[in-house]
Amino acid sequence: MATMQQVAERAGVSIATVSFVVNGTKHVTDETRARVEAAMRDLGYARHHAASALARGRTNILALLYPALESDLSGSGVQFFTGAAERARERGYTLVLWPARNDAGEIAELTATGLVDGVVLMEVQLDDPRVDLLRASTTPFALIGRTADPSGTAWVDIDFEATVDDAVDRLVALGHRAIAYVEGEPDGRSSPHGGAARAHAAYLAAAARHGFAPRLLACAGDAGAGRSLASRLVDEGSDATALVVVNEHAAPGILAELAQRGRTIPADLSVLSIGTSPGAADPALARMPSPGAELGRLGVDAVIDRIENPDRPLPQTLIPCGPPEGDSLGPAPRPAG
């Protein structure tokens, strides 16, 4: 392997000049840079990216923190990751998925190492000790999600309030008044997930606004639990005419079990899933798609701006889920007789 000394001799410059070109630590003329880079190509010299990063005082690595050991990875979650990775690459950074648990200890270790230039935190809780730790650190960070009081932080988030309002408004316009809400079971955290809490509150507010009694249902986040919930609804003779589902993993099971139990979707019961990625279902699940890819890109933009332009105003952006796509949404059934 060629050495820096050999590159310097081939280009007719000092070793220091080669170092400036390799590490980007000092300006050199375009002509000198061209000679050094031509010598590097001729000799097959390979840049040592880690050493270059240390010389610049940066690694150009961002960590996307997701509690993958505690939360199942959904299709919509993958959209966040792919959008974030794409934007990081466009802006000259490498994004790594860091499957940290929902505690501050691992984040403290990560930020203390200096391995990453910035952090993007997902699955944010209303009262989140990880955010408190990041505030106290010197590591630039941004949130995909937000705490109960997100002031003073850079964040982007799904507008769950607007999305749930839109979902309920659409169902009411179709004649539904018995609208049930399906969410995940409590996960044992000391503080609830911010998005789940805001969507829950938005449903209760929408029910009050439209004058119907709220119907809250909860099940675990998997297809089997969705099937069990749907079976229970049928066995108990529920008079609900529509389900708003904020439980992505359970939604396909709900739809499959209802069909198996003889319910015609959407003639007997409409099912509208919020923040859901495409999936196989018959009929196709009506879903309000998550803006995951866009939020992933904006989250990376937010943390890179904190790194490169820390005096810029903090971004605080809400994006609602898209309008319904799919076939499981229809008018309320007419009362018998």
Protein backbone atom coordinates (compact mmCIF):
# COMPACT_ATOMS: atom_id res chain seq x y z
CA MET A 1 0.00 0.00 0.00
CA ALA A 2 1.30 3.44 -0.94
CA THR A 3 2.33 5.78 1.86
CA MET A 4 1.75 9.50 2.29
CA GLN A 5 5.49 10.02 1.79
CA GLN A 6 5.34 8.33 -1.61
CA VAL A 7 2.34 10.47 -2.62
CA ALA A 8 4.22 13.60 -1.58
CA GLU A 9 7.27 12.61 -3.64
CA ARG A 10 5.16 11.78 -6.70
CA ALA A 11 3.24 15.10 -6.47
CA GLY A 12 6.33 17.17 -5.63
CA VAL A 13 4.86 18.55 -2.38
CA SER A 14 5.45 18.16 1.33
CA ILE A 15 3.86 15.45 3.46
CA ALA A 16 2.00 18.23 5.28
CA THR A 17 0.40 19.33 2.01
CA VAL A 18 -0.75 15.78 1.30
CA SER A 19 -2.22 15.65 4.81
CA PHE A 20 -4.10 18.91 4.18
CA VAL A 21 -5.65 17.42 1.04
CA VAL A 22 -6.48 14.08 2.61
CA ASN A 23 -7.96 15.46 5.82
CA GLY A 24 -9.39 18.73 4.54
CA THR A 25 -7.80 20.59 7.43
CA LYS A 26 -6.26 23.46 5.46
CA HIS A 27 -6.87 25.15 2.12
CA VAL A 28 -4.57 24.30 -0.79
CA THR A 29 -4.74 25.63 -4.33
CA ASP A 30 -6.81 23.78 -6.90
CA GLU A 31 -3.66 23.03 -8.92
CA THR A 32 -1.86 21.52 -5.93
CA ARG A 33 -4.93 19.52 -4.92
CA ALA A 34 -5.20 18.12 -8.45
CA ARG A 35 -1.52 17.02 -8.40
CA VAL A 36 -1.90 15.34 -5.02
CA GLU A 37 -5.11 13.55 -6.00
CA ALA A 38 -3.56 12.41 -9.31
CA ALA A 39 -0.59 10.99 -7.38
CA MET A 40 -2.95 9.22 -4.99
CA ARG A 41 -4.78 7.61 -7.91
CA ASP A 42 -1.57 6.61 -9.66
CA LEU A 43 -0.16 4.97 -6.52
CA GLY A 44 -3.44 3.49 -5.32
CA TYR A 45 -3.32 5.45 -2.08
CA ALA A 46 -6.40 4.87 0.09
CA ARG A 47 -7.65 7.54 2.44
CA HIS A 48 -7.98 6.48 6.07
CA HIS A 49 -11.43 7.87 6.73
CA ALA A 50 -11.29 7.39 10.49
CA ALA A 51 -8.01 9.29 10.73
CA SER A 52 -9.39 12.00 8.48
CA ALA A 53 -12.41 12.35 10.69
CA LEU A 54 -10.27 12.66 13.81
CA ALA A 55 -8.15 15.32 12.13
CA ARG A 56 -11.28 17.32 11.31
CA GLY A 57 -12.71 16.81 14.77
CA ARG A 58 -15.74 15.05 13.27
CA THR A 59 -16.75 11.53 12.32
CA ASN A 60 -19.63 12.48 9.97
CA ILE A 61 -21.63 9.71 11.63
CA LEU A 62 -25.14 10.17 12.98
CA ALA A 63 -26.88 7.73 15.31
CA LEU A 64 -30.60 7.07 14.90
CA LEU A 65 -31.70 5.80 18.31
CA TYR A 66 -34.63 3.38 18.22
CA PRO A 67 -35.62 0.99 21.04
CA ALA A 68 -35.65 -2.02 18.71
CA LEU A 69 -35.04 -4.36 21.67
CA GLU A 70 -38.33 -3.21 23.23
CA SER A 71 -40.53 -2.17 20.27
CA ASP A 72 -41.34 -4.26 17.21
CA LEU A 73 -40.09 -2.74 14.00
CA SER A 74 -43.06 -1.83 11.82
CA GLY A 75 -43.26 -1.09 8.13
CA SER A 76 -43.84 2.57 8.90
CA GLY A 77 -40.75 2.51 11.13
CA VAL A 78 -38.67 1.28 8.19
CA GLN A 79 -39.89 4.30 6.21
CA PHE A 80 -38.43 6.60 8.87
CA PHE A 81 -35.08 4.82 8.64
CA THR A 82 -34.83 4.76 4.87
CA GLY A 83 -35.79 8.43 4.57
CA ALA A 84 -33.27 9.38 7.24
CA ALA A 85 -30.46 7.30 5.69
CA GLU A 86 -31.12 8.76 2.25
CA ARG A 87 -30.93 12.34 3.53
CA ALA A 88 -27.79 11.66 5.56
CA ARG A 89 -26.05 10.26 2.50
CA GLU A 90 -27.11 13.26 0.41
CA ARG A 91 -25.56 15.60 2.97
CA GLY A 92 -22.28 13.68 3.33
CA TYR A 93 -23.02 11.79 6.53
CA THR A 94 -23.38 8.13 7.46
CA LEU A 95 -26.44 7.12 9.48
CA VAL A 96 -26.24 4.13 11.83
CA LEU A 97 -29.23 2.54 13.52
CA TRP A 98 -28.50 2.31 17.24
CA PRO A 99 -30.97 -0.06 18.96
CA ALA A 100 -30.78 1.57 22.38
CA ARG A 101 -33.17 0.75 25.19
CA ASN A 102 -35.56 3.29 26.61
CA ASP A 103 -33.20 4.49 29.30
CA ALA A 104 -30.69 7.29 29.54
CA GLY A 105 -27.69 5.13 30.48
CA GLU A 106 -26.90 3.87 26.99
CA ILE A 107 -27.25 7.34 25.52
CA ALA A 108 -24.85 8.72 28.11
CA GLU A 109 -22.28 6.12 27.06
CA LEU A 110 -22.79 6.86 23.37
CA THR A 111 -22.46 10.64 23.65
CA ALA A 112 -19.38 10.28 25.88
CA THR A 113 -17.45 8.27 23.27
CA GLY A 114 -17.35 10.97 20.59
CA LEU A 115 -18.12 8.30 18.00
CA VAL A 116 -21.04 10.25 16.53
CA ASP A 117 -21.47 13.88 15.54
CA GLY A 118 -25.18 13.93 16.28
CA VAL A 119 -28.18 11.94 17.46
CA VAL A 120 -31.72 11.53 16.15
CA LEU A 121 -34.04 10.08 18.81
CA MET A 122 -37.23 8.18 17.94
CA GLU A 123 -40.10 6.78 20.04
CA VAL A 124 -40.10 9.83 22.29
CA GLN A 125 -42.09 9.65 25.53
CA LEU A 126 -44.06 12.52 27.05
CA ASP A 127 -41.66 12.61 29.99
CA ASP A 128 -38.42 11.26 28.55
CA PRO A 129 -35.20 11.10 30.62
CA ARG A 130 -33.22 10.46 27.42
CA VAL A 131 -34.17 13.92 26.16
CA ASP A 132 -33.12 15.47 29.48
CA LEU A 133 -29.72 13.80 29.13
CA LEU A 134 -29.29 14.96 25.54
CA ARG A 135 -30.16 18.51 26.58
CA ALA A 136 -27.40 18.38 29.16
CA SER A 137 -24.82 16.93 26.74
CA THR A 138 -22.78 18.74 24.11
CA THR A 139 -23.94 16.35 21.35
CA PRO A 140 -26.30 17.97 18.81
CA PHE A 141 -29.61 16.13 18.63
CA ALA A 142 -33.08 16.23 17.11
CA LEU A 143 -36.26 14.35 17.92
CA ILE A 144 -38.70 12.46 15.72
CA GLY A 145 -41.56 12.89 18.15
CA ARG A 146 -41.79 15.27 21.06
CA THR A 147 -42.13 15.45 24.82
CA ALA A 148 -44.99 17.08 26.73
CA ASP A 149 -42.99 20.32 26.71
CA PRO A 150 -40.85 20.29 23.53
CA SER A 151 -39.74 23.92 23.77
CA GLY A 152 -36.04 24.47 23.27
CA THR A 153 -35.53 21.30 21.20
CA ALA A 154 -35.35 20.54 17.49
CA TRP A 155 -38.16 18.14 16.59
CA VAL A 156 -40.39 16.84 13.81
CA ASP A 157 -43.48 14.76 14.45
CA ILE A 158 -46.69 13.29 13.06
CA ASP A 159 -49.59 15.63 13.68
CA PHE A 160 -51.70 13.05 15.48
CA GLU A 161 -54.28 15.58 16.60
CA ALA A 162 -55.05 16.69 13.03
CA THR A 163 -54.89 13.11 11.73
CA VAL A 164 -57.34 11.68 14.27
CA ASP A 165 -59.67 14.65 13.76
CA ASP A 166 -59.60 13.98 10.01
CA ALA A 167 -60.29 10.26 10.51
CA VAL A 168 -63.27 10.84 12.79
CA ASP A 169 -64.63 13.65 10.60
CA ARG A 170 -64.57 11.36 7.56
CA LEU A 171 -66.39 8.59 9.41
CA VAL A 172 -69.02 10.95 10.77
CA ALA A 173 -69.57 12.31 7.24
CA LEU A 174 -70.26 8.71 6.17
CA GLY A 175 -72.96 8.41 8.82
CA HIS A 176 -71.02 6.65 11.56
CA ARG A 177 -71.81 7.47 15.18
CA ALA A 178 -70.68 4.28 16.92
CA ILE A 179 -66.95 4.75 16.33
CA ALA A 180 -64.56 2.69 18.47
CA TYR A 181 -60.87 3.44 18.95
CA VAL A 182 -58.29 0.64 18.97
CA GLU A 183 -54.90 1.40 20.52
CA GLY A 184 -51.97 -0.54 21.93
CA GLU A 185 -51.82 -1.85 25.47
CA PRO A 186 -49.76 0.07 28.03
CA ASP A 187 -46.13 -1.03 27.68
CA GLY A 188 -45.15 -0.56 31.29
CA ARG A 189 -43.14 2.61 30.74
CA SER A 190 -43.29 5.27 33.40
CA SER A 191 -44.39 7.76 30.74
CA PRO A 192 -46.52 7.03 27.66
CA HIS A 193 -45.34 7.36 24.09
CA GLY A 194 -46.00 10.93 22.98
CA GLY A 195 -47.78 10.08 19.74
CA ALA A 196 -50.01 7.45 21.34
CA ALA A 197 -51.03 9.81 24.14
CA ARG A 198 -51.83 12.65 21.74
CA ALA A 199 -53.85 10.40 19.41
CA HIS A 200 -55.84 9.03 22.38
CA ALA A 201 -56.64 12.54 23.62
CA ALA A 202 -57.59 13.65 20.10
CA TYR A 203 -60.10 10.79 19.76
CA LEU A 204 -61.77 11.71 23.05
CA ALA A 205 -61.95 15.35 21.97
CA ALA A 206 -63.42 14.39 18.57
CA ALA A 207 -66.04 12.17 20.23
CA ALA A 208 -67.09 15.06 22.47
CA ARG A 209 -67.16 17.47 19.53
CA HIS A 210 -69.40 15.17 17.47
CA GLY A 211 -71.54 14.11 20.42
CA PHE A 212 -70.97 10.34 20.43
CA ALA A 213 -69.89 8.15 23.35
CA PRO A 214 -66.21 7.16 23.18
CA ARG A 215 -65.44 3.45 22.90
CA LEU A 216 -61.86 2.63 23.88
CA LEU A 217 -60.37 -0.75 22.99
CA ALA A 218 -56.80 -1.92 23.57
CA CYS A 219 -54.81 -4.94 22.46
CA ALA A 220 -51.20 -5.99 22.11
CA GLY A 221 -49.31 -5.01 18.99
CA ASP A 222 -49.47 -8.17 16.91
CA ALA A 223 -51.83 -9.82 14.44
CA GLY A 224 -52.87 -12.52 16.91
CA ALA A 225 -53.98 -9.93 19.43
CA GLY A 226 -55.88 -8.15 16.67
CA ARG A 227 -57.70 -11.38 15.86
CA SER A 228 -58.61 -11.90 19.51
CA LEU A 229 -59.99 -8.38 19.77
CA ALA A 230 -62.10 -8.78 16.64
CA SER A 231 -63.40 -12.13 17.84
CA ARG A 232 -64.40 -10.56 21.14
CA LEU A 233 -66.27 -7.77 19.36
CA VAL A 234 -68.27 -10.32 17.38
CA ASP A 235 -68.97 -12.57 20.37
CA GLU A 236 -70.15 -9.63 22.49
CA GLY A 237 -72.41 -8.35 19.73
CA SER A 238 -70.72 -4.96 19.52
CA ASP A 239 -72.83 -2.36 17.74
CA ALA A 240 -69.77 -0.38 16.59
CA THR A 241 -70.01 0.53 12.92
CA ALA A 242 -66.43 1.76 12.54
CA LEU A 243 -63.01 1.20 14.07
CA VAL A 244 -60.23 3.79 14.13
CA VAL A 245 -57.08 1.71 14.63
CA VAL A 246 -53.85 3.19 15.97
CA ASN A 247 -52.10 -0.16 16.35
CA GLU A 248 -50.28 -1.02 13.14
CA HIS A 249 -49.29 -4.61 13.94
CA ALA A 250 -52.78 -5.56 15.15
CA ALA A 251 -54.70 -4.05 12.22
CA PRO A 252 -54.28 -6.92 9.70
CA GLY A 253 -55.39 -9.45 12.31
CA ILE A 254 -58.51 -7.43 13.09
CA LEU A 255 -59.48 -7.32 9.43
CA ALA A 256 -58.76 -11.03 8.84
CA GLU A 257 -60.75 -12.22 11.87
CA LEU A 258 -63.74 -10.04 11.08
CA ALA A 259 -63.88 -11.53 7.58
CA GLN A 260 -63.51 -15.05 8.94
CA ARG A 261 -66.34 -14.45 11.39
CA GLY A 262 -68.65 -13.49 8.56
CA ARG A 263 -68.48 -9.73 8.74
CA THR A 264 -68.52 -7.99 5.36
CA ILE A 265 -66.01 -5.14 5.28
CA PRO A 266 -66.93 -2.29 4.95
CA ALA A 267 -70.68 -2.98 4.58
CA ASP A 268 -70.98 -4.25 8.18
CA LEU A 269 -68.04 -2.47 9.75
CA SER A 270 -65.55 0.11 8.49
CA VAL A 271 -61.90 -0.15 9.58
CA LEU A 272 -59.59 2.85 9.24
CA SER A 273 -55.98 2.47 10.33
CA ILE A 274 -53.80 5.49 11.15
CA GLY A 275 -50.09 5.73 10.41
CA THR A 276 -49.90 2.36 8.71
CA SER A 277 -47.62 1.06 5.98
CA PRO A 278 -48.96 -0.96 3.01
CA GLY A 279 -49.71 -4.60 3.74
CA ALA A 280 -51.53 -7.63 2.43
CA ALA A 281 -55.22 -7.69 3.38
CA ASP A 282 -58.53 -8.47 1.68
CA PRO A 283 -60.22 -6.08 1.38
CA ALA A 284 -57.29 -3.71 1.29
CA LEU A 285 -57.03 -2.02 4.69
CA ALA A 286 -58.04 1.64 4.54
CA ARG A 287 -55.06 3.39 6.00
CA MET A 288 -53.92 6.95 6.52
CA PRO A 289 -50.26 6.52 5.53
CA SER A 290 -47.53 7.70 7.83
CA PRO A 291 -45.27 10.52 6.56
CA GLY A 292 -42.35 8.45 7.86
CA ALA A 293 -39.90 8.95 5.02
CA GLU A 294 -40.44 12.71 5.00
CA LEU A 295 -40.07 12.95 8.77
CA GLY A 296 -36.91 10.83 8.63
CA ARG A 297 -35.39 13.25 6.13
CA LEU A 298 -36.44 16.29 8.14
CA GLY A 299 -35.10 14.78 11.36
CA VAL A 300 -31.68 14.31 9.79
CA ASP A 301 -31.78 17.82 8.35
CA ALA A 302 -32.56 19.13 11.82
CA VAL A 303 -29.59 17.45 13.52
CA ILE A 304 -27.14 18.30 10.71
CA ASP A 305 -28.23 21.93 10.94
CA ARG A 306 -27.54 21.80 14.68
CA ILE A 307 -24.03 20.53 13.85
CA GLU A 308 -23.19 22.88 10.99
CA ASN A 309 -25.32 25.95 11.75
CA PRO A 310 -26.11 25.92 15.48
CA ASP A 311 -27.41 29.51 15.43
CA ARG A 312 -30.29 28.68 13.09
CA PRO A 313 -33.81 28.67 14.61
CA LEU A 314 -34.82 25.29 15.99
CA PRO A 315 -37.11 23.43 13.57
CA GLN A 316 -40.42 22.30 15.08
CA THR A 317 -42.50 20.66 12.36
CA LEU A 318 -45.81 18.76 12.37
CA ILE A 319 -46.98 16.69 9.38
CA PRO A 320 -50.34 14.84 9.38
CA CYS A 321 -50.84 11.38 7.95
CA GLY A 322 -52.13 11.25 4.40
CA PRO A 323 -55.77 10.80 3.33
CA PRO A 324 -57.22 7.26 3.45
CA GLU A 325 -56.14 4.69 0.90
CA GLY A 326 -57.83 1.27 0.71
CA ASP A 327 -61.20 -0.43 0.61
CA SER A 328 -62.24 -1.04 4.22
CA LEU A 329 -63.95 2.34 4.61
CA GLY A 330 -67.59 2.89 3.69
CA PRO A 331 -70.96 4.34 4.76
CA ALA A 332 -72.47 3.33 8.08
CA PRO A 333 -74.82 0.36 7.73
CA ARG A 334 -78.53 1.14 7.87
CA PRO A 335 -80.34 0.02 11.02
CA ALA A 336 -82.15 -3.28 10.63
CA GLY A 337 -85.85 -3.02 9.86
